[in-house]
Structures are given as C-alpha cells and as structure tokens.
Amino acid sequence: MILESRSIIFSDEELVLALRPLIESRGLVADNNVTGVDNKLDTDGEVSVTVTITDKDPVDFSSREVGAAVLNHCIEQGIPLPRGSYKELAIRGNHIALIVRLETGAASPEIDEGDE
C-alpha cells in the first residue's frame, strides 16, 4: 500500500478568512480588526487557535471548530480534498496546517525479474 500525504498550510490571513463565519457568529467583526492569531496545542494535544481582535477579549477556537472551518474554506476555494482521506490539523512553524492522508493502491506481489 502507498500512503500519500499532503499539507495545506494556512497563513494567518487565510486562517482568519476561514474562521470568519465563526468570528461573526460570536457577534464580532473580523475585517481589519484582527491584531493577532495564536496557534497552540491544548491540554489534550489538539490544535487550538486564539484570535485577538481590537478592543475585545481574545476569542478561542477548539480543534473541532478550526477543523470544520478550514475544511469548509478549502471546499469554497476549490481545493481538492479526497473523500476517503484521513484529515488532521497540525502546527507547522507558526501556522495551522491541514494534513490530508490517502491510502492508494494495494500491496503488490513481488516483481519477477522477467517482468521488469
């Protein structure tokens, strides 16, 4: 079996775009008011994000919220995400990454020398 792995890394600006519906659902405005994005692992080792907005308390988003937001954002942007793939959030450097893993092919029998 072959395992394909792809990382989709979100800049802070792109992550804020992905989180925008969640930010607005909390009665806040994301346009030009975001002063910071902090990505970290929570006590369970899951990715979480804190967004700081001018003159407001920081807003925390759980791994589940961030995961749904980035998946929806990828779909809206036309980024292909195979249905049968395993998806997980990770932190790469200072950014959130969506890791997409897909098993392809099957274990093949050994190749006979005459078949090469």
N, C-alpha and C. Protein backbone atom coordinates (compact mmCIF):
# COMPACT_ATOMS: atom_id res chain seq x y z
N MET A 1 0.84 -1.17 0.00
CA MET A 1 0.00 0.00 0.00
C MET A 1 0.89 1.24 0.00
N ILE A 2 0.45 2.25 -0.67
CA ILE A 2 1.16 3.53 -0.75
C ILE A 2 0.36 4.54 0.06
N LEU A 3 1.04 5.34 0.86
CA LEU A 3 0.39 6.38 1.64
C LEU A 3 0.80 7.73 1.09
N GLU A 4 -0.18 8.48 0.63
CA GLU A 4 0.07 9.83 0.11
C GLU A 4 -0.28 10.82 1.22
N SER A 5 0.58 11.81 1.42
CA SER A 5 0.35 12.81 2.45
C SER A 5 0.56 14.19 1.85
N ARG A 6 -0.36 15.09 2.16
CA ARG A 6 -0.28 16.45 1.64
C ARG A 6 -0.57 17.41 2.78
N SER A 7 0.16 18.51 2.85
CA SER A 7 -0.06 19.54 3.86
C SER A 7 -0.58 20.80 3.19
N ILE A 8 -1.68 21.30 3.69
CA ILE A 8 -2.23 22.57 3.23
C ILE A 8 -2.01 23.55 4.38
N ILE A 9 -1.10 24.48 4.17
CA ILE A 9 -0.70 25.39 5.25
C ILE A 9 -1.41 26.73 5.07
N PHE A 10 -2.01 27.19 6.15
CA PHE A 10 -2.79 28.43 6.13
C PHE A 10 -2.00 29.58 6.73
N SER A 11 -1.86 30.66 5.98
CA SER A 11 -1.28 31.89 6.55
C SER A 11 -2.27 32.40 7.60
N ASP A 12 -1.83 33.30 8.47
CA ASP A 12 -2.74 33.86 9.46
C ASP A 12 -3.93 34.54 8.79
N GLU A 13 -3.67 35.25 7.69
CA GLU A 13 -4.74 35.95 6.98
C GLU A 13 -5.77 34.96 6.43
N GLU A 14 -5.28 33.86 5.86
CA GLU A 14 -6.18 32.86 5.28
C GLU A 14 -6.95 32.13 6.39
N LEU A 15 -6.29 31.89 7.52
CA LEU A 15 -6.97 31.26 8.64
C LEU A 15 -8.08 32.14 9.17
N VAL A 16 -7.83 33.45 9.26
CA VAL A 16 -8.87 34.38 9.70
C VAL A 16 -10.04 34.36 8.72
N LEU A 17 -9.75 34.28 7.42
CA LEU A 17 -10.84 34.17 6.43
C LEU A 17 -11.65 32.91 6.67
N ALA A 18 -10.97 31.80 6.95
CA ALA A 18 -11.66 30.54 7.21
C ALA A 18 -12.51 30.62 8.48
N LEU A 19 -11.99 31.30 9.49
CA LEU A 19 -12.69 31.42 10.78
C LEU A 19 -13.74 32.53 10.80
N ARG A 20 -13.77 33.33 9.77
CA ARG A 20 -14.65 34.50 9.75
C ARG A 20 -16.11 34.19 10.10
N PRO A 21 -16.71 33.14 9.52
CA PRO A 21 -18.10 32.85 9.91
C PRO A 21 -18.25 32.57 11.41
N LEU A 22 -17.27 31.89 12.01
CA LEU A 22 -17.33 31.63 13.45
C LEU A 22 -17.13 32.90 14.26
N ILE A 23 -16.21 33.74 13.81
CA ILE A 23 -15.97 35.01 14.50
C ILE A 23 -17.24 35.85 14.48
N GLU A 24 -17.86 35.93 13.31
CA GLU A 24 -19.07 36.75 13.17
C GLU A 24 -20.25 36.14 13.92
N SER A 25 -20.28 34.80 14.05
CA SER A 25 -21.37 34.17 14.81
C SER A 25 -21.30 34.52 16.29
N ARG A 26 -20.13 34.98 16.72
CA ARG A 26 -19.95 35.41 18.12
C ARG A 26 -20.16 36.91 18.28
N GLY A 27 -20.70 37.54 17.23
CA GLY A 27 -21.02 38.95 17.31
C GLY A 27 -19.84 39.88 17.12
N LEU A 28 -18.75 39.37 16.55
CA LEU A 28 -17.55 40.17 16.34
C LEU A 28 -17.35 40.42 14.85
N VAL A 29 -16.53 41.41 14.55
CA VAL A 29 -16.22 41.74 13.15
C VAL A 29 -14.75 41.46 12.92
N ALA A 30 -14.45 40.65 11.90
CA ALA A 30 -13.06 40.26 11.63
C ALA A 30 -12.34 41.23 10.70
N ASP A 31 -13.07 42.01 9.93
CA ASP A 31 -12.45 42.89 8.93
C ASP A 31 -11.51 43.91 9.56
N ASN A 32 -10.22 43.80 9.24
CA ASN A 32 -9.20 44.76 9.66
C ASN A 32 -9.11 44.97 11.17
N ASN A 33 -9.77 44.14 11.96
CA ASN A 33 -9.73 44.30 13.40
C ASN A 33 -8.90 43.24 14.10
N VAL A 34 -8.43 42.24 13.37
CA VAL A 34 -7.65 41.17 13.97
C VAL A 34 -6.22 41.65 14.17
N THR A 35 -5.76 41.58 15.41
CA THR A 35 -4.41 42.06 15.72
C THR A 35 -3.45 40.91 16.01
N GLY A 36 -3.98 39.68 16.15
CA GLY A 36 -3.11 38.56 16.41
C GLY A 36 -3.81 37.22 16.27
N VAL A 37 -3.03 36.23 15.87
CA VAL A 37 -3.51 34.85 15.77
C VAL A 37 -2.47 33.98 16.47
N ASP A 38 -2.92 33.23 17.47
CA ASP A 38 -2.02 32.37 18.22
C ASP A 38 -2.47 30.92 18.07
N ASN A 39 -1.60 30.09 17.51
CA ASN A 39 -1.87 28.68 17.31
C ASN A 39 -1.12 27.89 18.37
N LYS A 40 -1.80 26.95 19.01
CA LYS A 40 -1.13 26.17 20.05
C LYS A 40 -1.81 24.82 20.20
N LEU A 41 -1.16 23.93 20.94
CA LEU A 41 -1.76 22.66 21.29
C LEU A 41 -2.40 22.81 22.66
N ASP A 42 -3.64 22.32 22.79
CA ASP A 42 -4.32 22.42 24.09
C ASP A 42 -3.84 21.29 25.00
N THR A 43 -4.45 21.14 26.16
CA THR A 43 -4.01 20.15 27.14
C THR A 43 -4.19 18.72 26.64
N ASP A 44 -5.05 18.50 25.66
CA ASP A 44 -5.25 17.17 25.08
C ASP A 44 -4.36 16.92 23.87
N GLY A 45 -3.49 17.89 23.54
CA GLY A 45 -2.63 17.76 22.38
C GLY A 45 -3.31 18.10 21.07
N GLU A 46 -4.48 18.70 21.16
CA GLU A 46 -5.23 19.11 19.97
C GLU A 46 -4.89 20.57 19.62
N VAL A 47 -4.97 20.88 18.33
CA VAL A 47 -4.70 22.24 17.87
C VAL A 47 -5.83 23.17 18.32
N SER A 48 -5.48 24.33 18.82
CA SER A 48 -6.46 25.36 19.13
C SER A 48 -5.92 26.70 18.64
N VAL A 49 -6.83 27.62 18.44
CA VAL A 49 -6.46 28.94 17.90
C VAL A 49 -7.10 30.01 18.77
N THR A 50 -6.32 31.04 19.07
CA THR A 50 -6.84 32.22 19.75
C THR A 50 -6.66 33.41 18.82
N VAL A 51 -7.76 34.10 18.57
CA VAL A 51 -7.74 35.28 17.70
C VAL A 51 -7.95 36.51 18.58
N THR A 52 -7.07 37.49 18.41
CA THR A 52 -7.19 38.74 19.15
C THR A 52 -7.74 39.80 18.22
N ILE A 53 -8.81 40.45 18.68
CA ILE A 53 -9.48 41.48 17.90
C ILE A 53 -9.40 42.79 18.68
N THR A 54 -9.16 43.87 17.99
CA THR A 54 -9.01 45.19 18.61
C THR A 54 -10.14 45.46 19.60
N ASP A 55 -9.76 45.88 20.81
CA ASP A 55 -10.68 46.28 21.87
C ASP A 55 -11.64 45.18 22.32
N LYS A 56 -11.31 43.92 22.10
CA LYS A 56 -12.15 42.80 22.53
C LYS A 56 -11.29 41.79 23.26
N ASP A 57 -11.92 40.95 24.05
CA ASP A 57 -11.21 39.85 24.69
C ASP A 57 -10.81 38.85 23.61
N PRO A 58 -9.68 38.16 23.78
CA PRO A 58 -9.28 37.13 22.81
C PRO A 58 -10.37 36.07 22.66
N VAL A 59 -10.51 35.53 21.45
CA VAL A 59 -11.52 34.53 21.16
C VAL A 59 -10.82 33.21 20.89
N ASP A 60 -11.21 32.17 21.63
CA ASP A 60 -10.60 30.85 21.48
C ASP A 60 -11.48 29.96 20.60
N PHE A 61 -10.79 29.17 19.76
CA PHE A 61 -11.48 28.21 18.89
C PHE A 61 -10.87 26.83 19.12
N SER A 62 -11.73 25.85 19.31
CA SER A 62 -11.28 24.47 19.55
C SER A 62 -10.82 23.83 18.24
N SER A 63 -10.17 22.70 18.38
CA SER A 63 -9.71 21.94 17.23
C SER A 63 -10.88 21.59 16.31
N ARG A 64 -11.98 21.19 16.90
CA ARG A 64 -13.17 20.83 16.12
C ARG A 64 -13.67 22.02 15.29
N GLU A 65 -13.72 23.20 15.92
CA GLU A 65 -14.17 24.40 15.21
C GLU A 65 -13.22 24.78 14.09
N VAL A 66 -11.92 24.76 14.39
CA VAL A 66 -10.91 25.12 13.40
C VAL A 66 -10.94 24.11 12.24
N GLY A 67 -11.02 22.83 12.58
CA GLY A 67 -11.07 21.80 11.55
C GLY A 67 -12.23 21.99 10.59
N ALA A 68 -13.42 22.21 11.13
CA ALA A 68 -14.60 22.43 10.29
C ALA A 68 -14.43 23.68 9.44
N ALA A 69 -13.88 24.73 10.04
CA ALA A 69 -13.71 26.00 9.32
C ALA A 69 -12.73 25.86 8.15
N VAL A 70 -11.60 25.19 8.37
CA VAL A 70 -10.62 25.07 7.29
C VAL A 70 -11.11 24.10 6.20
N LEU A 71 -11.84 23.05 6.59
CA LEU A 71 -12.43 22.15 5.59
C LEU A 71 -13.42 22.91 4.70
N ASN A 72 -14.31 23.67 5.32
CA ASN A 72 -15.27 24.46 4.55
C ASN A 72 -14.57 25.47 3.66
N HIS A 73 -13.53 26.08 4.18
CA HIS A 73 -12.78 27.07 3.40
C HIS A 73 -12.13 26.42 2.18
N CYS A 74 -11.55 25.24 2.36
CA CYS A 74 -10.93 24.53 1.24
C CYS A 74 -11.98 24.20 0.18
N ILE A 75 -13.15 23.75 0.61
CA ILE A 75 -14.23 23.43 -0.33
C ILE A 75 -14.65 24.68 -1.09
N GLU A 76 -14.84 25.78 -0.37
CA GLU A 76 -15.24 27.05 -1.02
C GLU A 76 -14.19 27.55 -2.00
N GLN A 77 -12.91 27.29 -1.72
CA GLN A 77 -11.83 27.76 -2.58
C GLN A 77 -11.50 26.77 -3.70
N GLY A 78 -12.19 25.64 -3.73
CA GLY A 78 -11.96 24.65 -4.78
C GLY A 78 -10.69 23.83 -4.59
N ILE A 79 -10.20 23.73 -3.37
CA ILE A 79 -9.02 22.91 -3.09
C ILE A 79 -9.48 21.47 -2.94
N PRO A 80 -8.96 20.57 -3.76
CA PRO A 80 -9.45 19.19 -3.72
C PRO A 80 -9.08 18.47 -2.42
N LEU A 81 -10.09 17.83 -1.84
CA LEU A 81 -9.91 17.03 -0.63
C LEU A 81 -10.59 15.69 -0.87
N PRO A 82 -9.80 14.64 -1.09
CA PRO A 82 -10.41 13.33 -1.35
C PRO A 82 -11.33 12.89 -0.21
N ARG A 83 -12.50 12.38 -0.55
CA ARG A 83 -13.49 11.98 0.47
C ARG A 83 -12.96 10.92 1.42
N GLY A 84 -12.28 9.95 0.92
CA GLY A 84 -11.83 8.85 1.75
C GLY A 84 -10.54 9.11 2.49
N SER A 85 -10.08 10.33 2.47
CA SER A 85 -8.79 10.63 3.09
C SER A 85 -8.94 10.90 4.57
N TYR A 86 -7.86 10.67 5.29
CA TYR A 86 -7.76 10.98 6.71
C TYR A 86 -7.28 12.42 6.81
N LYS A 87 -7.95 13.23 7.60
CA LYS A 87 -7.59 14.65 7.71
C LYS A 87 -7.31 14.97 9.18
N GLU A 88 -6.26 15.75 9.39
CA GLU A 88 -5.95 16.18 10.75
C GLU A 88 -5.31 17.56 10.72
N LEU A 89 -5.45 18.26 11.83
CA LEU A 89 -4.82 19.57 11.98
C LEU A 89 -3.47 19.40 12.65
N ALA A 90 -2.54 20.25 12.26
CA ALA A 90 -1.22 20.26 12.86
C ALA A 90 -0.71 21.69 12.86
N ILE A 91 0.36 21.91 13.58
CA ILE A 91 1.02 23.22 13.56
C ILE A 91 2.34 23.03 12.84
N ARG A 92 2.55 23.81 11.79
CA ARG A 92 3.79 23.78 11.02
C ARG A 92 4.41 25.16 11.13
N GLY A 93 5.49 25.25 11.87
CA GLY A 93 6.09 26.56 12.13
C GLY A 93 5.12 27.35 12.99
N ASN A 94 4.69 28.50 12.51
CA ASN A 94 3.73 29.34 13.23
C ASN A 94 2.34 29.27 12.61
N HIS A 95 2.11 28.29 11.75
CA HIS A 95 0.85 28.25 11.01
C HIS A 95 0.10 26.95 11.22
N ILE A 96 -1.20 27.02 10.98
CA ILE A 96 -2.05 25.84 11.02
C ILE A 96 -1.93 25.13 9.68
N ALA A 97 -1.85 23.81 9.74
CA ALA A 97 -1.80 23.00 8.52
C ALA A 97 -2.88 21.94 8.60
N LEU A 98 -3.53 21.70 7.47
CA LEU A 98 -4.46 20.60 7.33
C LEU A 98 -3.69 19.49 6.63
N ILE A 99 -3.50 18.38 7.30
CA ILE A 99 -2.77 17.24 6.75
C ILE A 99 -3.79 16.29 6.15
N VAL A 100 -3.61 15.96 4.89
CA VAL A 100 -4.52 15.06 4.18
C VAL A 100 -3.73 13.81 3.81
N ARG A 101 -4.21 12.65 4.30
CA ARG A 101 -3.53 11.38 4.01
C ARG A 101 -4.50 10.46 3.29
N LEU A 102 -3.97 9.78 2.27
CA LEU A 102 -4.80 8.90 1.46
C LEU A 102 -4.02 7.64 1.14
N GLU A 103 -4.63 6.50 1.41
CA GLU A 103 -4.03 5.24 1.04
C GLU A 103 -4.39 4.96 -0.41
N THR A 104 -3.38 4.70 -1.22
CA THR A 104 -3.63 4.41 -2.62
C THR A 104 -2.99 3.09 -2.99
N GLY A 105 -3.61 2.42 -3.93
CA GLY A 105 -3.06 1.16 -4.40
C GLY A 105 -3.16 0.08 -3.34
N ALA A 106 -2.67 -1.05 -3.67
CA ALA A 106 -2.66 -2.18 -2.74
C ALA A 106 -1.27 -2.76 -2.73
N ALA A 107 -0.97 -3.48 -1.71
CA ALA A 107 0.32 -4.14 -1.66
C ALA A 107 0.40 -5.09 -2.85
N SER A 108 1.44 -4.94 -3.64
CA SER A 108 1.56 -5.78 -4.83
C SER A 108 2.54 -6.90 -4.56
N PRO A 109 2.35 -8.00 -5.26
CA PRO A 109 3.28 -9.11 -5.09
C PRO A 109 4.65 -8.70 -5.62
N GLU A 110 5.65 -9.44 -5.20
CA GLU A 110 7.00 -9.14 -5.67
C GLU A 110 7.07 -9.23 -7.19
N ILE A 111 7.90 -8.41 -7.78
CA ILE A 111 8.05 -8.39 -9.22
C ILE A 111 9.08 -9.44 -9.63
N ASP A 112 8.67 -10.30 -10.57
CA ASP A 112 9.62 -11.27 -11.10
C ASP A 112 10.61 -10.55 -11.98
N GLU A 113 11.83 -11.04 -12.01
CA GLU A 113 12.87 -10.38 -12.80
C GLU A 113 12.47 -10.27 -14.27
N GLY A 114 11.70 -11.20 -14.78
CA GLY A 114 11.28 -11.16 -16.18
C GLY A 114 10.24 -10.10 -16.46
N ASP A 115 9.61 -9.56 -15.40
CA ASP A 115 8.54 -8.55 -15.57
C ASP A 115 9.07 -7.14 -15.53
N GLU A 116 10.34 -6.94 -15.23
CA GLU A 116 10.87 -5.58 -15.08
C GLU A 116 11.08 -4.90 -16.39
